[in-house]
């Protein structure tokens, strides 16, 4: 999942969330929160909006819509990556 978070959340990289637990990306974050307290706050703000420095991909496609609008299907792979900037 997110290498930058692996030090704070050991085991998160290979975590599998059942689609029954996670019908959309917001539900997936809630499911992860039970095993990795604080992960949701690193990805979304208090209103549930994706933080501007975080990119979310489903099956290698960048998610640009609100996370609650992105349905997940069995076998989907989600990557959460920090934005890269600098020069």
PDB file of N, CA and C in Angstrom:
ATOM      1  N   UNK A   1       0.834  -1.168   0.000  1.00  0.00           N
ATOM      2  CA  UNK A   1       0.000   0.000   0.000  1.00  0.00           C
ATOM      3  C   UNK A   1       0.882   1.236   0.000  1.00  0.00           C
ATOM      4  N   UNK A   2       1.103   1.837   1.094  1.00  0.00           N
ATOM      5  CA  UNK A   2       1.820   3.104   1.130  1.00  0.00           C
ATOM      6  C   UNK A   2       3.124   2.919   1.870  1.00  0.00           C
ATOM      7  N   UNK A   3       4.216   2.854   1.125  1.00  0.00           N
ATOM      8  CA  UNK A   3       5.518   2.628   1.747  1.00  0.00           C
ATOM      9  C   UNK A   3       5.835   3.687   2.793  1.00  0.00           C
ATOM     10  N   UNK A   4       5.429   4.915   2.535  1.00  0.00           N
ATOM     11  CA  UNK A   4       5.711   5.985   3.491  1.00  0.00           C
ATOM     12  C   UNK A   4       5.004   5.747   4.821  1.00  0.00           C
ATOM     13  N   UNK A   5       3.933   4.980   4.813  1.00  0.00           N
ATOM     14  CA  UNK A   5       3.198   4.704   6.044  1.00  0.00           C
ATOM     15  C   UNK A   5       3.611   3.396   6.698  1.00  0.00           C
ATOM     16  N   UNK A   6       4.431   2.599   6.026  1.00  0.00           N
ATOM     17  CA  UNK A   6       4.804   1.300   6.579  1.00  0.00           C
ATOM     18  C   UNK A   6       5.487   1.418   7.932  1.00  0.00           C
ATOM     19  N   UNK A   7       6.269   2.464   8.144  1.00  0.00           N
ATOM     20  CA  UNK A   7       6.935   2.605   9.440  1.00  0.00           C
ATOM     21  C   UNK A   7       5.923   2.903  10.548  1.00  0.00           C
ATOM     22  N   UNK A   8       4.857   3.614  10.226  1.00  0.00           N
ATOM     23  CA  UNK A   8       3.818   3.910  11.213  1.00  0.00           C
ATOM     24  C   UNK A   8       2.779   2.798  11.334  1.00  0.00           C
ATOM     25  N   UNK A   9       2.583   2.064  10.235  1.00  0.00           N
ATOM     26  CA  UNK A   9       1.553   1.024  10.194  1.00  0.00           C
ATOM     27  C   UNK A   9       2.149  -0.269   9.639  1.00  0.00           C
ATOM     28  N   UNK A  10       2.956  -0.983  10.424  1.00  0.00           N
ATOM     29  CA  UNK A  10       3.577  -2.219   9.934  1.00  0.00           C
ATOM     30  C   UNK A  10       2.523  -3.209   9.440  1.00  0.00           C
ATOM     31  N   UNK A  11       2.790  -3.801   8.278  1.00  0.00           N
ATOM     32  CA  UNK A  11       1.891  -4.790   7.702  1.00  0.00           C
ATOM     33  C   UNK A  11       0.836  -4.231   6.780  1.00  0.00           C
ATOM     34  N   UNK A  12       0.775  -2.909   6.658  1.00  0.00           N
ATOM     35  CA  UNK A  12      -0.283  -2.311   5.844  1.00  0.00           C
ATOM     36  C   UNK A  12      -0.088  -2.570   4.352  1.00  0.00           C
ATOM     37  N   UNK A  13       1.126  -2.722   3.920  1.00  0.00           N
ATOM     38  CA  UNK A  13       1.402  -2.853   2.489  1.00  0.00           C
ATOM     39  C   UNK A  13       0.666  -4.036   1.869  1.00  0.00           C
ATOM     40  N   UNK A  14       0.571  -5.136   2.569  1.00  0.00           N
ATOM     41  CA  UNK A  14      -0.037  -6.337   2.009  1.00  0.00           C
ATOM     42  C   UNK A  14      -1.396  -6.657   2.623  1.00  0.00           C
ATOM     43  N   UNK A  15      -2.022  -5.694   3.251  1.00  0.00           N
ATOM     44  CA  UNK A  15      -3.313  -5.921   3.909  1.00  0.00           C
ATOM     45  C   UNK A  15      -4.394  -6.143   2.869  1.00  0.00           C
ATOM     46  N   UNK A  16      -5.202  -7.163   3.059  1.00  0.00           N
ATOM     47  CA  UNK A  16      -6.334  -7.453   2.185  1.00  0.00           C
ATOM     48  C   UNK A  16      -7.609  -7.111   2.947  1.00  0.00           C
ATOM     49  N   UNK A  17      -8.483  -6.347   2.294  1.00  0.00           N
ATOM     50  CA  UNK A  17      -9.769  -5.990   2.885  1.00  0.00           C
ATOM     51  C   UNK A  17     -10.852  -6.644   2.038  1.00  0.00           C
ATOM     52  N   UNK A  18     -11.729  -7.410   2.666  1.00  0.00           N
ATOM     53  CA  UNK A  18     -12.820  -8.086   1.974  1.00  0.00           C
ATOM     54  C   UNK A  18     -13.797  -7.053   1.423  1.00  0.00           C
ATOM     55  N   UNK A  19     -14.283  -7.275   0.210  1.00  0.00           N
ATOM     56  CA  UNK A  19     -15.218  -6.340  -0.410  1.00  0.00           C
ATOM     57  C   UNK A  19     -16.508  -6.238   0.405  1.00  0.00           C
ATOM     58  N   UNK A  20     -16.871  -7.282   1.135  1.00  0.00           N
ATOM     59  CA  UNK A  20     -18.056  -7.184   1.988  1.00  0.00           C
ATOM     60  C   UNK A  20     -17.858  -6.128   3.062  1.00  0.00           C
ATOM     61  N   UNK A  21     -16.597  -5.948   3.501  1.00  0.00           N
ATOM     62  CA  UNK A  21     -16.280  -4.901   4.470  1.00  0.00           C
ATOM     63  C   UNK A  21     -16.194  -3.543   3.796  1.00  0.00           C
ATOM     64  N   UNK A  22     -15.801  -3.531   2.522  1.00  0.00           N
ATOM     65  CA  UNK A  22     -15.465  -2.283   1.843  1.00  0.00           C
ATOM     66  C   UNK A  22     -16.134  -2.213   0.478  1.00  0.00           C
ATOM     67  N   UNK A  23     -17.311  -1.616   0.429  1.00  0.00           N
ATOM     68  CA  UNK A  23     -18.016  -1.477  -0.836  1.00  0.00           C
ATOM     69  C   UNK A  23     -17.498  -0.296  -1.649  1.00  0.00           C
ATOM     70  N   UNK A  24     -16.826   0.648  -0.979  1.00  0.00           N
ATOM     71  CA  UNK A  24     -16.223   1.790  -1.662  1.00  0.00           C
ATOM     72  C   UNK A  24     -14.946   2.183  -0.913  1.00  0.00           C
ATOM     73  N   UNK A  25     -14.242   3.181  -1.421  1.00  0.00           N
ATOM     74  CA  UNK A  25     -12.959   3.549  -0.818  1.00  0.00           C
ATOM     75  C   UNK A  25     -13.111   4.080   0.604  1.00  0.00           C
ATOM     76  N   UNK A  26     -14.160   4.831   0.897  1.00  0.00           N
ATOM     77  CA  UNK A  26     -14.362   5.296   2.274  1.00  0.00           C
ATOM     78  C   UNK A  26     -14.571   4.120   3.215  1.00  0.00           C
ATOM     79  N   UNK A  27     -15.350   3.139   2.785  1.00  0.00           N
ATOM     80  CA  UNK A  27     -15.580   1.946   3.610  1.00  0.00           C
ATOM     81  C   UNK A  27     -14.280   1.167   3.796  1.00  0.00           C
ATOM     82  N   UNK A  28     -13.429   1.139   2.767  1.00  0.00           N
ATOM     83  CA  UNK A  28     -12.139   0.464   2.882  1.00  0.00           C
ATOM     84  C   UNK A  28     -11.284   1.136   3.951  1.00  0.00           C
ATOM     85  N   UNK A  29     -11.270   2.471   3.960  1.00  0.00           N
ATOM     86  CA  UNK A  29     -10.497   3.191   4.972  1.00  0.00           C
ATOM     87  C   UNK A  29     -11.036   2.921   6.374  1.00  0.00           C
ATOM     88  N   UNK A  30     -12.349   2.854   6.510  1.00  0.00           N
ATOM     89  CA  UNK A  30     -12.934   2.531   7.820  1.00  0.00           C
ATOM     90  C   UNK A  30     -12.538   1.119   8.250  1.00  0.00           C
ATOM     91  N   UNK A  31     -12.534   0.172   7.313  1.00  0.00           N
ATOM     92  CA  UNK A  31     -12.134  -1.204   7.630  1.00  0.00           C
ATOM     93  C   UNK A  31     -10.662  -1.256   8.034  1.00  0.00           C
ATOM     94  N   UNK A  32      -9.814  -0.497   7.350  1.00  0.00           N
ATOM     95  CA  UNK A  32      -8.390  -0.459   7.699  1.00  0.00           C
ATOM     96  C   UNK A  32      -8.168   0.195   9.058  1.00  0.00           C
ATOM     97  N   UNK A  33      -8.999   1.163   9.396  1.00  0.00           N
ATOM     98  CA  UNK A  33      -8.851   1.906  10.652  1.00  0.00           C
ATOM     99  C   UNK A  33      -8.909   0.977  11.867  1.00  0.00           C
ATOM    100  N   UNK A  34      -9.693  -0.094  11.794  1.00  0.00           N
ATOM    101  CA  UNK A  34      -9.799  -1.002  12.938  1.00  0.00           C
ATOM    102  C   UNK A  34      -8.482  -1.722  13.209  1.00  0.00           C
ATOM    103  N   UNK A  35      -7.713  -2.007  12.157  1.00  0.00           N
ATOM    104  CA  UNK A  35      -6.412  -2.668  12.324  1.00  0.00           C
ATOM    105  C   UNK A  35      -5.259  -1.682  12.412  1.00  0.00           C
ATOM    106  N   UNK A  36      -5.433  -0.514  11.795  1.00  0.00           N
ATOM    107  CA  UNK A  36      -4.371   0.489  11.722  1.00  0.00           C
ATOM    108  C   UNK A  36      -4.926   1.845  12.169  1.00  0.00           C
ATOM    109  N   UNK A  37      -5.134   2.029  13.482  1.00  0.00           N
ATOM    110  CA  UNK A  37      -5.700   3.289  13.975  1.00  0.00           C
ATOM    111  C   UNK A  37      -4.888   4.500  13.492  1.00  0.00           C
ATOM    112  N   UNK A  38      -5.598   5.490  12.953  1.00  0.00           N
ATOM    113  CA  UNK A  38      -4.958   6.707  12.470  1.00  0.00           C
ATOM    114  C   UNK A  38      -4.756   6.750  10.971  1.00  0.00           C
ATOM    115  N   UNK A  39      -4.916   5.614  10.284  1.00  0.00           N
ATOM    116  CA  UNK A  39      -4.672   5.579   8.834  1.00  0.00           C
ATOM    117  C   UNK A  39      -5.659   6.479   8.088  1.00  0.00           C
ATOM    118  N   UNK A  40      -6.905   6.472   8.503  1.00  0.00           N
ATOM    119  CA  UNK A  40      -7.915   7.270   7.803  1.00  0.00           C
ATOM    120  C   UNK A  40      -7.565   8.756   7.860  1.00  0.00           C
ATOM    121  N   UNK A  41      -7.117   9.225   9.015  1.00  0.00           N
ATOM    122  CA  UNK A  41      -6.757  10.640   9.158  1.00  0.00           C
ATOM    123  C   UNK A  41      -5.565  11.027   8.300  1.00  0.00           C
ATOM    124  N   UNK A  42      -4.735  10.080   7.944  1.00  0.00           N
ATOM    125  CA  UNK A  42      -3.592  10.374   7.077  1.00  0.00           C
ATOM    126  C   UNK A  42      -4.017  10.532   5.620  1.00  0.00           C
ATOM    127  N   UNK A  43      -5.181   9.961   5.259  1.00  0.00           N
ATOM    128  CA  UNK A  43      -5.630   9.959   3.863  1.00  0.00           C
ATOM    129  C   UNK A  43      -6.725  10.991   3.609  1.00  0.00           C
ATOM    130  N   UNK A  44      -7.655  11.146   4.562  1.00  0.00           N
ATOM    131  CA  UNK A  44      -8.766  12.088   4.375  1.00  0.00           C
ATOM    132  C   UNK A  44      -8.838  13.061   5.546  1.00  0.00           C
ATOM    133  N   UNK A  45      -9.477  14.213   5.302  1.00  0.00           N
ATOM    134  CA  UNK A  45      -9.647  15.206   6.367  1.00  0.00           C
ATOM    135  C   UNK A  45     -10.911  14.906   7.173  1.00  0.00           C
ATOM    136  N   UNK A  46     -11.282  15.820   8.067  1.00  0.00           N
ATOM    137  CA  UNK A  46     -12.429  15.622   8.948  1.00  0.00           C
ATOM    138  C   UNK A  46     -13.733  15.462   8.177  1.00  0.00           C
ATOM    139  N   UNK A  47     -13.820  16.071   6.993  1.00  0.00           N
ATOM    140  CA  UNK A  47     -15.024  15.984   6.164  1.00  0.00           C
ATOM    141  C   UNK A  47     -15.032  14.734   5.286  1.00  0.00           C
ATOM    142  N   UNK A  48     -13.966  13.947   5.336  1.00  0.00           N
ATOM    143  CA  UNK A  48     -13.883  12.740   4.513  1.00  0.00           C
ATOM    144  C   UNK A  48     -13.356  12.993   3.116  1.00  0.00           C
ATOM    145  N   UNK A  49     -12.798  14.188   2.893  1.00  0.00           N
ATOM    146  CA  UNK A  49     -12.236  14.549   1.592  1.00  0.00           C
ATOM    147  C   UNK A  49     -10.768  14.147   1.542  1.00  0.00           C
ATOM    148  N   UNK A  50     -10.366  13.562   0.417  1.00  0.00           N
ATOM    149  CA  UNK A  50      -8.965  13.151   0.252  1.00  0.00           C
ATOM    150  C   UNK A  50      -8.054  14.348   0.459  1.00  0.00           C
ATOM    151  N   UNK A  51      -7.001  14.142   1.224  1.00  0.00           N
ATOM    152  CA  UNK A  51      -6.034  15.220   1.467  1.00  0.00           C
ATOM    153  C   UNK A  51      -5.299  15.534   0.159  1.00  0.00           C
ATOM    154  N   UNK A  52      -4.936  16.799  -0.047  1.00  0.00           N
ATOM    155  CA  UNK A  52      -4.344  17.203  -1.327  1.00  0.00           C
ATOM    156  C   UNK A  52      -2.987  16.571  -1.617  1.00  0.00           C
ATOM    157  N   UNK A  53      -2.274  16.113  -0.608  1.00  0.00           N
ATOM    158  CA  UNK A  53      -0.952  15.531  -0.830  1.00  0.00           C
ATOM    159  C   UNK A  53      -0.991  14.006  -0.938  1.00  0.00           C
ATOM    160  N   UNK A  54      -2.187  13.450  -1.079  1.00  0.00           N
ATOM    161  CA  UNK A  54      -2.341  11.998  -1.171  1.00  0.00           C
ATOM    162  C   UNK A  54      -2.989  11.649  -2.506  1.00  0.00           C
ATOM    163  N   UNK A  55      -2.427  10.671  -3.203  1.00  0.00           N
ATOM    164  CA  UNK A  55      -3.009  10.153  -4.437  1.00  0.00           C
ATOM    165  C   UNK A  55      -3.512   8.744  -4.175  1.00  0.00           C
ATOM    166  N   UNK A  56      -4.715   8.453  -4.662  1.00  0.00           N
ATOM    167  CA  UNK A  56      -5.311   7.131  -4.501  1.00  0.00           C
ATOM    168  C   UNK A  56      -5.517   6.543  -5.890  1.00  0.00           C
ATOM    169  N   UNK A  57      -5.067   5.313  -6.063  1.00  0.00           N
ATOM    170  CA  UNK A  57      -5.213   4.597  -7.326  1.00  0.00           C
ATOM    171  C   UNK A  57      -6.009   3.320  -7.085  1.00  0.00           C
ATOM    172  N   UNK A  58      -6.917   2.999  -7.999  1.00  0.00           N
ATOM    173  CA  UNK A  58      -7.606   1.711  -7.990  1.00  0.00           C
ATOM    174  C   UNK A  58      -7.262   1.043  -9.308  1.00  0.00           C
ATOM    175  N   UNK A  59      -6.632  -0.126  -9.213  1.00  0.00           N
ATOM    176  CA  UNK A  59      -6.198  -0.856 -10.410  1.00  0.00           C
ATOM    177  C   UNK A  59      -5.365   0.036 -11.334  1.00  0.00           C
ATOM    178  N   UNK A  60      -4.441   0.770 -10.740  1.00  0.00           N
ATOM    179  CA  UNK A  60      -3.487   1.638 -11.441  1.00  0.00           C
ATOM    180  C   UNK A  60      -4.121   2.871 -12.083  1.00  0.00           C
ATOM    181  N   UNK A  61      -5.395   3.163 -11.773  1.00  0.00           N
ATOM    182  CA  UNK A  61      -6.062   4.341 -12.308  1.00  0.00           C
ATOM    183  C   UNK A  61      -6.237   5.371 -11.193  1.00  0.00           C
ATOM    184  N   UNK A  62      -5.761   6.591 -11.436  1.00  0.00           N
ATOM    185  CA  UNK A  62      -5.851   7.662 -10.448  1.00  0.00           C
ATOM    186  C   UNK A  62      -7.311   8.014 -10.173  1.00  0.00           C
ATOM    187  N   UNK A  63      -7.669   8.067  -8.910  1.00  0.00           N
ATOM    188  CA  UNK A  63      -9.032   8.413  -8.496  1.00  0.00           C
ATOM    189  C   UNK A  63      -9.117   9.929  -8.350  1.00  0.00           C
ATOM    190  N   UNK A  64     -10.014  10.540  -9.095  1.00  0.00           N
ATOM    191  CA  UNK A  64     -10.199  11.985  -9.038  1.00  0.00           C
ATOM    192  C   UNK A  64     -11.547  12.360  -8.420  1.00  0.00           C
ATOM    193  N   UNK A  65     -12.442  11.400  -8.258  1.00  0.00           N
ATOM    194  CA  UNK A  65     -13.765  11.651  -7.695  1.00  0.00           C
ATOM    195  C   UNK A  65     -13.728  11.436  -6.183  1.00  0.00           C
ATOM    196  N   UNK A  66     -14.767  11.878  -5.464  1.00  0.00           N
ATOM    197  CA  UNK A  66     -14.813  11.617  -4.022  1.00  0.00           C
ATOM    198  C   UNK A  66     -14.701  10.117  -3.736  1.00  0.00           C
ATOM    199  N   UNK A  67     -13.982   9.769  -2.680  1.00  0.00           N
ATOM    200  CA  UNK A  67     -13.692   8.369  -2.390  1.00  0.00           C
ATOM    201  C   UNK A  67     -14.948   7.539  -2.167  1.00  0.00           C
ATOM    202  N   UNK A  68     -15.998   8.128  -1.629  1.00  0.00           N
ATOM    203  CA  UNK A  68     -17.239   7.399  -1.409  1.00  0.00           C
ATOM    204  C   UNK A  68     -17.974   7.042  -2.684  1.00  0.00           C
ATOM    205  N   UNK A  69     -17.586   7.665  -3.800  1.00  0.00           N
ATOM    206  CA  UNK A  69     -18.225   7.392  -5.089  1.00  0.00           C
ATOM    207  C   UNK A  69     -17.504   6.309  -5.879  1.00  0.00           C
ATOM    208  N   UNK A  70     -16.413   5.790  -5.344  1.00  0.00           N
ATOM    209  CA  UNK A  70     -15.623   4.788  -6.062  1.00  0.00           C
ATOM    210  C   UNK A  70     -15.936   3.411  -5.492  1.00  0.00           C
ATOM    211  N   UNK A  71     -16.744   2.648  -6.233  1.00  0.00           N
ATOM    212  CA  UNK A  71     -17.108   1.297  -5.808  1.00  0.00           C
ATOM    213  C   UNK A  71     -15.916   0.362  -5.980  1.00  0.00           C
ATOM    214  N   UNK A  72     -15.789  -0.571  -5.050  1.00  0.00           N
ATOM    215  CA  UNK A  72     -14.735  -1.578  -5.134  1.00  0.00           C
ATOM    216  C   UNK A  72     -15.347  -2.928  -5.467  1.00  0.00           C
ATOM    217  N   UNK A  73     -14.622  -3.695  -6.273  1.00  0.00           N
ATOM    218  CA  UNK A  73     -15.051  -5.027  -6.683  1.00  0.00           C
ATOM    219  C   UNK A  73     -14.020  -6.042  -6.197  1.00  0.00           C
ATOM    220  N   UNK A  74     -14.413  -7.314  -6.065  1.00  0.00           N
ATOM    221  CA  UNK A  74     -13.432  -8.337  -5.676  1.00  0.00           C
ATOM    222  C   UNK A  74     -12.233  -8.312  -6.621  1.00  0.00           C
ATOM    223  N   UNK A  75     -11.046  -8.361  -6.063  1.00  0.00           N
ATOM    224  CA  UNK A  75      -9.819  -8.367  -6.854  1.00  0.00           C
ATOM    225  C   UNK A  75      -9.232  -6.998  -7.138  1.00  0.00           C
ATOM    226  N   UNK A  76      -9.967  -5.921  -6.823  1.00  0.00           N
ATOM    227  CA  UNK A  76      -9.419  -4.580  -7.032  1.00  0.00           C
ATOM    228  C   UNK A  76      -8.188  -4.379  -6.154  1.00  0.00           C
ATOM    229  N   UNK A  77      -7.223  -3.654  -6.687  1.00  0.00           N
ATOM    230  CA  UNK A  77      -6.003  -3.332  -5.949  1.00  0.00           C
ATOM    231  C   UNK A  77      -5.970  -1.823  -5.744  1.00  0.00           C
ATOM    232  N   UNK A  78      -5.813  -1.414  -4.488  1.00  0.00           N
ATOM    233  CA  UNK A  78      -5.793   0.008  -4.142  1.00  0.00           C
ATOM    234  C   UNK A  78      -4.393   0.378  -3.677  1.00  0.00           C
ATOM    235  N   UNK A  79      -3.886   1.475  -4.225  1.00  0.00           N
ATOM    236  CA  UNK A  79      -2.602   2.026  -3.787  1.00  0.00           C
ATOM    237  C   UNK A  79      -2.857   3.444  -3.289  1.00  0.00           C
ATOM    238  N   UNK A  80      -2.275   3.770  -2.157  1.00  0.00           N
ATOM    239  CA  UNK A  80      -2.352   5.120  -1.605  1.00  0.00           C
ATOM    240  C   UNK A  80      -0.923   5.630  -1.528  1.00  0.00           C
ATOM    241  N   UNK A  81      -0.660   6.692  -2.272  1.00  0.00           N
ATOM    242  CA  UNK A  81       0.702   7.203  -2.398  1.00  0.00           C
ATOM    243  C   UNK A  81       0.751   8.695  -2.102  1.00  0.00           C
ATOM    244  N   UNK A  82       1.830   9.151  -1.485  1.00  0.00           N
ATOM    245  CA  UNK A  82       1.980  10.595  -1.282  1.00  0.00           C
ATOM    246  C   UNK A  82       2.315  11.273  -2.602  1.00  0.00           C
ATOM    247  N   UNK A  83       1.870  12.517  -2.744  1.00  0.00           N
ATOM    248  CA  UNK A  83       2.259  13.296  -3.917  1.00  0.00           C
ATOM    249  C   UNK A  83       3.762  13.526  -3.867  1.00  0.00           C
ATOM    250  N   UNK A  84       4.367  13.597  -5.032  1.00  0.00           N
ATOM    251  CA  UNK A  84       5.805  13.837  -5.117  1.00  0.00           C
ATOM    252  C   UNK A  84       6.010  15.228  -5.701  1.00  0.00           C
ATOM    253  N   UNK A  85       6.800  16.035  -5.029  1.00  0.00           N
ATOM    254  CA  UNK A  85       7.069  17.388  -5.496  1.00  0.00           C
ATOM    255  C   UNK A  85       8.520  17.734  -5.197  1.00  0.00           C
ATOM    256  N   UNK A  86       8.966  18.760  -5.794  1.00  0.00           N
ATOM    257  CA  UNK A  86      10.330  19.210  -5.537  1.00  0.00           C
ATOM    258  C   UNK A  86      11.027  19.552  -6.833  1.00  0.00           C
ATOM    259  N   UNK A  87      12.251  19.904  -6.690  1.00  0.00           N
ATOM    260  CA  UNK A  87      12.935  20.287  -7.914  1.00  0.00           C
ATOM    261  C   UNK A  87      14.412  20.148  -7.805  1.00  0.00           C
TER     262      UNK A  87
END
